[in-house]
Amino acid sequence: MSEPTPTVSTKPYLIRAIYDWCTDAGFTPYVAVAVDETVRVPMEFVKNGEIVLNVSALATNRLQIANDSISFQARFSGVAREVFVPIERVVAVYARENGQGMAFDVPRTAPAGAEPAPAEAGPRTAPPGLRPVEAPRERTALVPVATASPSPSNDVPPDPDRPAKPAGDRPKLTRIK
């Protein structure tokens, strides 16, 4: 009898596929990550338990998207830092320019050893050298929202019912419940 083959996740393959599509199309690939104690990123850039990383070839050095993790070196405020993200912590991979990509379910758990603070308690202080991290909110789905306006070469008049967007407004992934 043959042994059963281990189940291999499709998530790293889908991440690599969206990354390749972004680079082939000239888009900037971004990865949204749910931060916990297994993720190594500059904590000063983490907001609400998440961080969005530019993983383009121009922004990273030694990028590796393996089956179990994403690792690379990047500059944050001019300082080179090592980044390590387990694949299971990737929330989404998408193109910065149009928001198209793929979102994944990631269990949102508080960092190990973190205790939920009572509602009436004030802010907690962290031990020296550690930065307190706000526990991420409940799981939510991410849906890409396209905000790109028609290019000037299109002969489509702008929609008068739709307000004009300021230049430089980028599409964002919008949380829905």
N, C-alpha and C. Protein backbone atom coordinates (compact mmCIF):
# COMPACT_ATOMS: atom_id res chain seq x y z
N MET A 1 0.82 -1.18 0.00
CA MET A 1 0.00 0.00 0.00
C MET A 1 0.86 1.25 0.00
N SER A 2 0.45 2.23 -0.71
CA SER A 2 1.20 3.48 -0.74
C SER A 2 0.76 4.38 0.41
N GLU A 3 1.69 5.19 0.89
CA GLU A 3 1.38 6.11 1.97
C GLU A 3 0.61 7.30 1.41
N PRO A 4 -0.32 7.84 2.21
CA PRO A 4 -1.04 9.02 1.73
C PRO A 4 -0.08 10.20 1.61
N THR A 5 -0.26 10.98 0.56
CA THR A 5 0.59 12.14 0.36
C THR A 5 0.12 13.28 1.26
N PRO A 6 1.06 14.04 1.82
CA PRO A 6 0.66 15.14 2.68
C PRO A 6 -0.08 16.20 1.88
N THR A 7 -1.02 16.85 2.54
CA THR A 7 -1.79 17.90 1.90
C THR A 7 -0.92 19.14 1.75
N VAL A 8 -0.83 19.65 0.55
CA VAL A 8 -0.04 20.84 0.27
C VAL A 8 -1.01 21.99 0.03
N SER A 9 -0.78 23.08 0.73
CA SER A 9 -1.64 24.25 0.60
C SER A 9 -1.47 24.89 -0.77
N THR A 10 -2.57 25.39 -1.30
CA THR A 10 -2.52 26.12 -2.58
C THR A 10 -2.15 27.59 -2.38
N LYS A 11 -2.20 28.06 -1.13
CA LYS A 11 -1.99 29.48 -0.85
C LYS A 11 -0.66 30.02 -1.37
N PRO A 12 0.49 29.36 -1.12
CA PRO A 12 1.73 29.94 -1.65
C PRO A 12 1.78 29.98 -3.17
N TYR A 13 1.13 29.02 -3.82
CA TYR A 13 1.10 28.99 -5.29
C TYR A 13 0.24 30.14 -5.82
N LEU A 14 -0.87 30.42 -5.14
CA LEU A 14 -1.73 31.53 -5.56
C LEU A 14 -1.02 32.87 -5.32
N ILE A 15 -0.30 32.99 -4.21
CA ILE A 15 0.44 34.22 -3.93
C ILE A 15 1.49 34.44 -5.01
N ARG A 16 2.24 33.39 -5.36
CA ARG A 16 3.25 33.53 -6.42
C ARG A 16 2.61 33.88 -7.76
N ALA A 17 1.45 33.29 -8.04
CA ALA A 17 0.77 33.57 -9.32
C ALA A 17 0.33 35.03 -9.40
N ILE A 18 -0.26 35.57 -8.33
CA ILE A 18 -0.68 36.98 -8.33
C ILE A 18 0.55 37.88 -8.38
N TYR A 19 1.61 37.53 -7.68
CA TYR A 19 2.86 38.29 -7.73
C TYR A 19 3.39 38.34 -9.17
N ASP A 20 3.44 37.17 -9.83
CA ASP A 20 3.93 37.12 -11.22
C ASP A 20 3.04 37.94 -12.15
N TRP A 21 1.73 37.83 -11.96
CA TRP A 21 0.80 38.61 -12.79
C TRP A 21 1.05 40.11 -12.61
N CYS A 22 1.22 40.54 -11.35
CA CYS A 22 1.47 41.96 -11.08
C CYS A 22 2.73 42.43 -11.79
N THR A 23 3.81 41.68 -11.64
CA THR A 23 5.07 42.12 -12.25
C THR A 23 5.02 42.07 -13.77
N ASP A 24 4.37 41.04 -14.32
CA ASP A 24 4.24 40.95 -15.78
C ASP A 24 3.41 42.10 -16.35
N ALA A 25 2.40 42.55 -15.60
CA ALA A 25 1.51 43.62 -16.06
C ALA A 25 2.07 45.00 -15.73
N GLY A 26 3.21 45.07 -15.06
CA GLY A 26 3.79 46.36 -14.70
C GLY A 26 3.18 46.97 -13.46
N PHE A 27 2.48 46.18 -12.66
CA PHE A 27 1.87 46.66 -11.43
C PHE A 27 2.82 46.42 -10.26
N THR A 28 2.53 47.06 -9.14
CA THR A 28 3.32 46.92 -7.92
C THR A 28 2.62 45.92 -7.00
N PRO A 29 3.23 44.75 -6.74
CA PRO A 29 2.58 43.76 -5.86
C PRO A 29 2.71 44.15 -4.39
N TYR A 30 1.59 44.13 -3.69
CA TYR A 30 1.53 44.41 -2.26
C TYR A 30 1.03 43.15 -1.56
N VAL A 31 1.50 42.94 -0.33
CA VAL A 31 1.05 41.83 0.49
C VAL A 31 0.56 42.41 1.82
N ALA A 32 -0.67 42.09 2.19
CA ALA A 32 -1.20 42.49 3.49
C ALA A 32 -1.00 41.31 4.44
N VAL A 33 -0.51 41.61 5.65
CA VAL A 33 -0.13 40.57 6.60
C VAL A 33 -0.79 40.83 7.95
N ALA A 34 -1.36 39.78 8.54
CA ALA A 34 -1.87 39.84 9.92
C ALA A 34 -0.69 39.52 10.83
N VAL A 35 -0.29 40.49 11.63
CA VAL A 35 0.93 40.36 12.44
C VAL A 35 0.62 39.63 13.75
N ASP A 36 1.48 38.67 14.06
CA ASP A 36 1.48 38.01 15.35
C ASP A 36 2.93 37.74 15.73
N GLU A 37 3.16 36.92 16.74
CA GLU A 37 4.53 36.71 17.22
C GLU A 37 5.41 35.96 16.24
N THR A 38 4.84 35.32 15.21
CA THR A 38 5.64 34.58 14.23
C THR A 38 6.13 35.45 13.07
N VAL A 39 5.61 36.65 12.96
CA VAL A 39 5.94 37.55 11.86
C VAL A 39 7.06 38.49 12.30
N ARG A 40 8.09 38.62 11.47
CA ARG A 40 9.19 39.55 11.75
C ARG A 40 9.11 40.71 10.77
N VAL A 41 8.59 41.82 11.24
CA VAL A 41 8.48 43.05 10.46
C VAL A 41 8.79 44.21 11.40
N PRO A 42 9.12 45.38 10.87
CA PRO A 42 9.30 46.55 11.75
C PRO A 42 7.98 46.89 12.43
N MET A 43 7.92 46.70 13.73
CA MET A 43 6.66 46.86 14.47
C MET A 43 6.14 48.29 14.46
N GLU A 44 7.02 49.27 14.23
CA GLU A 44 6.55 50.66 14.21
C GLU A 44 5.65 50.95 13.02
N PHE A 45 5.61 50.06 12.04
CA PHE A 45 4.77 50.24 10.87
C PHE A 45 3.49 49.40 10.92
N VAL A 46 3.29 48.65 11.99
CA VAL A 46 2.10 47.80 12.15
C VAL A 46 0.96 48.67 12.66
N LYS A 47 -0.19 48.57 12.01
CA LYS A 47 -1.38 49.31 12.43
C LYS A 47 -2.53 48.34 12.55
N ASN A 48 -3.20 48.37 13.69
CA ASN A 48 -4.34 47.49 13.94
C ASN A 48 -4.00 46.02 13.71
N GLY A 49 -2.78 45.64 14.05
CA GLY A 49 -2.38 44.24 13.92
C GLY A 49 -2.09 43.80 12.50
N GLU A 50 -1.99 44.76 11.56
CA GLU A 50 -1.71 44.43 10.16
C GLU A 50 -0.62 45.34 9.61
N ILE A 51 0.05 44.85 8.58
CA ILE A 51 1.03 45.65 7.86
C ILE A 51 0.88 45.32 6.38
N VAL A 52 1.05 46.33 5.53
CA VAL A 52 1.02 46.13 4.08
C VAL A 52 2.43 46.34 3.57
N LEU A 53 2.94 45.36 2.83
CA LEU A 53 4.32 45.38 2.36
C LEU A 53 4.39 45.45 0.85
N ASN A 54 5.22 46.32 0.33
CA ASN A 54 5.51 46.38 -1.10
C ASN A 54 6.55 45.30 -1.37
N VAL A 55 6.20 44.30 -2.17
CA VAL A 55 7.11 43.18 -2.43
C VAL A 55 7.62 43.21 -3.87
N SER A 56 7.63 44.38 -4.49
CA SER A 56 8.13 44.49 -5.85
C SER A 56 9.64 44.26 -5.87
N ALA A 57 10.17 43.96 -7.03
CA ALA A 57 11.60 43.73 -7.18
C ALA A 57 12.41 44.98 -6.84
N LEU A 58 11.83 46.16 -7.09
CA LEU A 58 12.54 47.41 -6.77
C LEU A 58 12.55 47.71 -5.27
N ALA A 59 11.59 47.18 -4.53
CA ALA A 59 11.48 47.49 -3.11
C ALA A 59 12.13 46.44 -2.22
N THR A 60 12.47 45.28 -2.77
CA THR A 60 12.99 44.19 -1.95
C THR A 60 14.35 43.72 -2.45
N ASN A 61 15.05 43.03 -1.57
CA ASN A 61 16.31 42.39 -1.90
C ASN A 61 16.20 40.94 -1.41
N ARG A 62 16.63 40.00 -2.22
CA ARG A 62 16.59 38.58 -1.89
C ARG A 62 15.18 38.08 -1.55
N LEU A 63 14.20 38.49 -2.33
CA LEU A 63 12.83 38.05 -2.11
C LEU A 63 12.70 36.56 -2.39
N GLN A 64 12.10 35.83 -1.43
CA GLN A 64 11.81 34.42 -1.61
C GLN A 64 10.38 34.17 -1.17
N ILE A 65 9.58 33.66 -2.10
CA ILE A 65 8.21 33.26 -1.76
C ILE A 65 8.21 31.74 -1.77
N ALA A 66 8.45 31.16 -0.61
CA ALA A 66 8.53 29.71 -0.46
C ALA A 66 7.15 29.17 -0.10
N ASN A 67 7.05 27.86 0.04
CA ASN A 67 5.76 27.25 0.38
C ASN A 67 5.35 27.50 1.82
N ASP A 68 6.29 27.86 2.68
CA ASP A 68 5.94 28.09 4.08
C ASP A 68 6.13 29.53 4.54
N SER A 69 6.83 30.36 3.75
CA SER A 69 7.07 31.73 4.20
C SER A 69 7.46 32.64 3.04
N ILE A 70 7.39 33.94 3.32
CA ILE A 70 7.90 34.98 2.42
C ILE A 70 8.99 35.68 3.20
N SER A 71 10.17 35.80 2.61
CA SER A 71 11.26 36.49 3.29
C SER A 71 11.99 37.39 2.30
N PHE A 72 12.47 38.51 2.81
CA PHE A 72 13.23 39.45 1.99
C PHE A 72 13.86 40.49 2.89
N GLN A 73 14.67 41.32 2.28
CA GLN A 73 15.26 42.47 2.95
C GLN A 73 14.69 43.71 2.27
N ALA A 74 14.33 44.71 3.07
CA ALA A 74 13.79 45.95 2.51
C ALA A 74 14.20 47.11 3.39
N ARG A 75 14.11 48.31 2.84
CA ARG A 75 14.43 49.51 3.60
C ARG A 75 13.14 50.12 4.14
N PHE A 76 13.17 50.43 5.42
CA PHE A 76 12.08 51.11 6.09
C PHE A 76 12.67 52.38 6.68
N SER A 77 12.21 53.53 6.20
CA SER A 77 12.77 54.83 6.61
C SER A 77 14.28 54.86 6.42
N GLY A 78 14.75 54.25 5.32
CA GLY A 78 16.16 54.28 4.98
C GLY A 78 17.03 53.24 5.65
N VAL A 79 16.45 52.42 6.53
CA VAL A 79 17.21 51.41 7.26
C VAL A 79 16.86 50.03 6.71
N ALA A 80 17.89 49.26 6.31
CA ALA A 80 17.66 47.91 5.79
C ALA A 80 17.21 47.00 6.92
N ARG A 81 16.10 46.26 6.71
CA ARG A 81 15.55 45.36 7.72
C ARG A 81 15.22 44.03 7.07
N GLU A 82 15.36 42.96 7.83
CA GLU A 82 14.96 41.62 7.39
C GLU A 82 13.49 41.44 7.69
N VAL A 83 12.76 40.86 6.74
CA VAL A 83 11.33 40.63 6.90
C VAL A 83 11.08 39.14 6.71
N PHE A 84 10.26 38.57 7.60
CA PHE A 84 9.88 37.16 7.51
C PHE A 84 8.40 37.06 7.81
N VAL A 85 7.64 36.47 6.87
CA VAL A 85 6.20 36.34 7.01
C VAL A 85 5.81 34.89 6.73
N PRO A 86 5.29 34.17 7.72
CA PRO A 86 4.76 32.83 7.44
C PRO A 86 3.58 32.95 6.47
N ILE A 87 3.49 32.03 5.54
CA ILE A 87 2.43 32.07 4.53
C ILE A 87 1.04 32.13 5.16
N GLU A 88 0.84 31.44 6.27
CA GLU A 88 -0.50 31.43 6.88
C GLU A 88 -0.90 32.79 7.44
N ARG A 89 0.00 33.76 7.55
CA ARG A 89 -0.33 35.09 8.05
C ARG A 89 -0.62 36.09 6.92
N VAL A 90 -0.51 35.66 5.67
CA VAL A 90 -0.81 36.54 4.53
C VAL A 90 -2.32 36.69 4.39
N VAL A 91 -2.79 37.92 4.47
CA VAL A 91 -4.21 38.22 4.37
C VAL A 91 -4.62 38.44 2.91
N ALA A 92 -3.74 39.10 2.13
CA ALA A 92 -4.07 39.40 0.73
C ALA A 92 -2.81 39.68 -0.06
N VAL A 93 -2.89 39.45 -1.36
CA VAL A 93 -1.85 39.86 -2.30
C VAL A 93 -2.59 40.55 -3.44
N TYR A 94 -2.13 41.76 -3.81
CA TYR A 94 -2.88 42.53 -4.80
C TYR A 94 -1.98 43.56 -5.47
N ALA A 95 -2.47 44.12 -6.56
CA ALA A 95 -1.77 45.18 -7.28
C ALA A 95 -2.14 46.53 -6.67
N ARG A 96 -1.14 47.32 -6.35
CA ARG A 96 -1.38 48.64 -5.75
C ARG A 96 -2.21 49.52 -6.67
N GLU A 97 -1.94 49.46 -7.96
CA GLU A 97 -2.54 50.39 -8.90
C GLU A 97 -4.04 50.21 -9.10
N ASN A 98 -4.53 48.98 -9.01
CA ASN A 98 -5.97 48.77 -9.27
C ASN A 98 -6.68 47.94 -8.21
N GLY A 99 -5.95 47.46 -7.20
CA GLY A 99 -6.58 46.71 -6.11
C GLY A 99 -6.95 45.29 -6.47
N GLN A 100 -6.67 44.85 -7.69
CA GLN A 100 -7.02 43.49 -8.07
C GLN A 100 -6.03 42.51 -7.45
N GLY A 101 -6.55 41.41 -6.97
CA GLY A 101 -5.70 40.41 -6.36
C GLY A 101 -6.55 39.35 -5.68
N MET A 102 -6.05 38.83 -4.58
CA MET A 102 -6.74 37.76 -3.89
C MET A 102 -6.60 37.94 -2.39
N ALA A 103 -7.70 37.73 -1.67
CA ALA A 103 -7.70 37.79 -0.21
C ALA A 103 -7.86 36.39 0.35
N PHE A 104 -7.33 36.18 1.54
CA PHE A 104 -7.36 34.87 2.19
C PHE A 104 -7.93 35.01 3.60
N ASP A 105 -8.54 33.94 4.09
CA ASP A 105 -8.97 33.90 5.49
C ASP A 105 -7.76 33.62 6.34
N VAL A 106 -7.56 34.45 7.35
CA VAL A 106 -6.47 34.26 8.30
C VAL A 106 -7.07 34.33 9.68
N PRO A 107 -6.85 33.31 10.50
CA PRO A 107 -7.38 33.39 11.86
C PRO A 107 -6.75 34.55 12.60
N ARG A 108 -7.57 35.39 13.18
CA ARG A 108 -7.09 36.56 13.91
C ARG A 108 -7.00 36.18 15.38
N THR A 109 -5.79 35.99 15.85
CA THR A 109 -5.58 35.65 17.25
C THR A 109 -4.70 36.71 17.88
N ALA A 110 -4.87 36.90 19.17
CA ALA A 110 -4.02 37.83 19.90
C ALA A 110 -2.63 37.21 20.01
N PRO A 111 -1.59 38.02 20.06
CA PRO A 111 -0.25 37.49 20.21
C PRO A 111 -0.14 36.61 21.46
N ALA A 112 0.74 35.62 21.40
CA ALA A 112 0.90 34.68 22.51
C ALA A 112 1.24 35.44 23.79
N GLY A 113 0.59 35.04 24.87
CA GLY A 113 0.85 35.66 26.16
C GLY A 113 0.08 36.94 26.37
N ALA A 114 -0.62 37.42 25.38
CA ALA A 114 -1.38 38.66 25.54
C ALA A 114 -2.69 38.34 26.25
N GLU A 115 -3.03 39.18 27.21
CA GLU A 115 -4.29 39.01 27.92
C GLU A 115 -5.24 40.09 27.44
N PRO A 116 -6.52 39.73 27.24
CA PRO A 116 -7.46 40.77 26.86
C PRO A 116 -7.61 41.76 28.00
N ALA A 117 -7.50 43.04 27.67
CA ALA A 117 -7.62 44.08 28.70
C ALA A 117 -9.09 44.34 28.97
N PRO A 118 -9.46 44.51 30.24
CA PRO A 118 -10.85 44.86 30.54
C PRO A 118 -11.19 46.21 29.92
N ALA A 119 -12.45 46.41 29.59
CA ALA A 119 -12.88 47.63 28.90
C ALA A 119 -12.56 48.86 29.72
N GLU A 120 -12.65 48.77 31.08
CA GLU A 120 -12.43 49.95 31.89
C GLU A 120 -10.95 50.20 32.19
N ALA A 121 -10.09 49.27 31.83
CA ALA A 121 -8.66 49.43 32.13
C ALA A 121 -8.04 50.45 31.19
N GLY A 122 -7.05 51.14 31.68
CA GLY A 122 -6.34 52.14 30.87
C GLY A 122 -5.31 51.46 30.01
N PRO A 123 -4.49 52.24 29.28
CA PRO A 123 -3.47 51.66 28.41
C PRO A 123 -2.42 50.91 29.23
N ARG A 124 -1.99 49.77 28.71
CA ARG A 124 -0.98 48.98 29.39
C ARG A 124 0.39 49.43 28.92
N THR A 125 1.36 49.30 29.80
CA THR A 125 2.72 49.64 29.41
C THR A 125 3.46 48.35 29.13
N ALA A 126 4.35 48.41 28.16
CA ALA A 126 5.11 47.23 27.77
C ALA A 126 6.44 47.22 28.49
N PRO A 127 7.02 46.03 28.68
CA PRO A 127 8.34 45.96 29.27
C PRO A 127 9.34 46.69 28.37
N PRO A 128 10.47 47.12 28.93
CA PRO A 128 11.48 47.83 28.12
C PRO A 128 11.88 47.00 26.91
N GLY A 129 11.96 47.64 25.75
CA GLY A 129 12.38 46.97 24.52
C GLY A 129 11.25 46.32 23.75
N LEU A 130 10.06 46.24 24.35
CA LEU A 130 8.92 45.64 23.64
C LEU A 130 7.87 46.70 23.42
N ARG A 131 7.23 46.62 22.28
CA ARG A 131 6.18 47.56 21.92
C ARG A 131 4.85 46.84 22.03
N PRO A 132 3.88 47.39 22.75
CA PRO A 132 2.59 46.70 22.84
C PRO A 132 1.91 46.67 21.48
N VAL A 133 1.27 45.56 21.18
CA VAL A 133 0.57 45.39 19.91
C VAL A 133 -0.90 45.23 20.22
N GLU A 134 -1.71 46.02 19.54
CA GLU A 134 -3.15 45.91 19.71
C GLU A 134 -3.62 44.59 19.12
N ALA A 135 -4.45 43.87 19.84
CA ALA A 135 -4.95 42.60 19.35
C ALA A 135 -5.79 42.85 18.10
N PRO A 136 -5.55 42.07 17.05
CA PRO A 136 -6.32 42.26 15.82
C PRO A 136 -7.81 42.02 16.05
N ARG A 137 -8.61 42.66 15.23
CA ARG A 137 -10.06 42.51 15.31
C ARG A 137 -10.47 41.16 14.75
N GLU A 138 -11.76 40.89 14.79
CA GLU A 138 -12.30 39.64 14.29
C GLU A 138 -11.99 39.45 12.81
N ARG A 139 -12.17 38.21 12.33
CA ARG A 139 -11.90 37.94 10.92
C ARG A 139 -12.89 38.68 10.04
N THR A 140 -12.36 39.27 8.99
CA THR A 140 -13.21 39.94 8.01
C THR A 140 -12.71 39.59 6.63
N ALA A 141 -13.58 39.73 5.67
CA ALA A 141 -13.19 39.46 4.29
C ALA A 141 -12.72 40.75 3.65
N LEU A 142 -11.77 40.65 2.75
CA LEU A 142 -11.28 41.80 2.02
C LEU A 142 -11.79 41.73 0.59
N VAL A 143 -12.29 42.82 0.10
CA VAL A 143 -12.81 42.87 -1.25
C VAL A 143 -12.11 43.99 -1.98
N PRO A 144 -11.47 43.70 -3.13
CA PRO A 144 -10.81 44.79 -3.86
C PRO A 144 -11.84 45.77 -4.39
N VAL A 145 -11.51 47.03 -4.30
CA VAL A 145 -12.39 48.08 -4.80
C VAL A 145 -11.62 48.84 -5.87
N ALA A 146 -12.13 48.86 -7.07
CA ALA A 146 -11.47 49.57 -8.16
C ALA A 146 -11.85 51.03 -8.09
N THR A 147 -10.83 51.90 -8.11
CA THR A 147 -11.10 53.34 -8.10
C THR A 147 -10.46 54.01 -9.30
N ALA A 148 -9.97 53.20 -10.21
CA ALA A 148 -9.31 53.79 -11.38
C ALA A 148 -10.33 54.50 -12.25
N SER A 149 -9.99 55.67 -12.72
CA SER A 149 -10.87 56.40 -13.62
C SER A 149 -10.47 56.08 -15.05
N PRO A 150 -11.35 56.31 -16.01
CA PRO A 150 -11.00 56.02 -17.40
C PRO A 150 -9.77 56.82 -17.82
N SER A 151 -8.96 56.20 -18.64
CA SER A 151 -7.76 56.90 -19.12
C SER A 151 -8.17 57.98 -20.10
N PRO A 152 -7.32 59.01 -20.25
CA PRO A 152 -7.66 60.11 -21.15
C PRO A 152 -7.86 59.67 -22.59
N SER A 153 -7.27 58.51 -22.97
CA SER A 153 -7.41 58.06 -24.35
C SER A 153 -8.80 57.51 -24.64
N ASN A 154 -9.55 57.14 -23.58
CA ASN A 154 -10.91 56.66 -23.79
C ASN A 154 -11.81 57.84 -24.15
N ASP A 155 -12.74 57.62 -25.03
CA ASP A 155 -13.68 58.68 -25.42
C ASP A 155 -14.95 58.61 -24.60
N VAL A 156 -14.85 58.13 -23.36
CA VAL A 156 -16.00 58.01 -22.49
C VAL A 156 -16.06 59.26 -21.62
N PRO A 157 -17.16 59.98 -21.66
CA PRO A 157 -17.25 61.18 -20.81
C PRO A 157 -17.37 60.76 -19.34
N PRO A 158 -16.87 61.58 -18.43
CA PRO A 158 -16.98 61.24 -17.01
C PRO A 158 -18.43 61.21 -16.57
N ASP A 159 -18.74 60.37 -15.61
CA ASP A 159 -20.09 60.21 -15.09
C ASP A 159 -20.40 61.42 -14.20
N PRO A 160 -21.43 62.21 -14.52
CA PRO A 160 -21.72 63.41 -13.72
C PRO A 160 -22.23 63.05 -12.32
N ASP A 161 -22.77 61.84 -12.13
CA ASP A 161 -23.28 61.45 -10.81
C ASP A 161 -22.16 60.97 -9.89
N ARG A 162 -20.98 60.78 -10.43
CA ARG A 162 -19.86 60.27 -9.64
C ARG A 162 -18.88 61.41 -9.40
N PRO A 163 -18.57 61.69 -8.12
CA PRO A 163 -17.63 62.79 -7.86
C PRO A 163 -16.24 62.46 -8.38
N ALA A 164 -15.53 63.49 -8.82
CA ALA A 164 -14.18 63.29 -9.34
C ALA A 164 -13.24 62.95 -8.19
N LYS A 165 -12.33 62.02 -8.44
CA LYS A 165 -11.36 61.61 -7.42
C LYS A 165 -10.09 62.44 -7.60
N PRO A 166 -9.46 62.82 -6.50
CA PRO A 166 -8.22 63.58 -6.63
C PRO A 166 -7.12 62.72 -7.22
N ALA A 167 -6.17 63.37 -7.89
CA ALA A 167 -5.05 62.65 -8.49
C ALA A 167 -4.25 61.97 -7.39
N GLY A 168 -3.76 60.78 -7.66
CA GLY A 168 -2.96 60.06 -6.69
C GLY A 168 -3.77 59.21 -5.73
N ASP A 169 -5.10 59.23 -5.84
CA ASP A 169 -5.94 58.41 -4.98
C ASP A 169 -5.79 56.96 -5.42
N ARG A 170 -5.29 56.11 -4.53
CA ARG A 170 -5.04 54.73 -4.87
C ARG A 170 -6.19 53.83 -4.45
N PRO A 171 -6.41 52.75 -5.17
CA PRO A 171 -7.44 51.82 -4.75
C PRO A 171 -7.02 51.14 -3.46
N LYS A 172 -7.98 50.76 -2.66
CA LYS A 172 -7.71 50.12 -1.38
C LYS A 172 -8.60 48.89 -1.24
N LEU A 173 -8.14 47.93 -0.48
CA LEU A 173 -8.98 46.79 -0.15
C LEU A 173 -9.93 47.25 0.93
N THR A 174 -11.20 47.00 0.75
CA THR A 174 -12.21 47.43 1.69
C THR A 174 -12.71 46.25 2.48
N ARG A 175 -12.81 46.41 3.79
CA ARG A 175 -13.30 45.33 4.64
C ARG A 175 -14.83 45.32 4.60
N ILE A 176 -15.37 44.12 4.46
CA ILE A 176 -16.82 43.97 4.55
C ILE A 176 -17.09 42.88 5.56
N LYS A 177 -18.24 42.92 6.18
CA LYS A 177 -18.59 41.89 7.18
C LYS A 177 -19.68 41.04 6.64
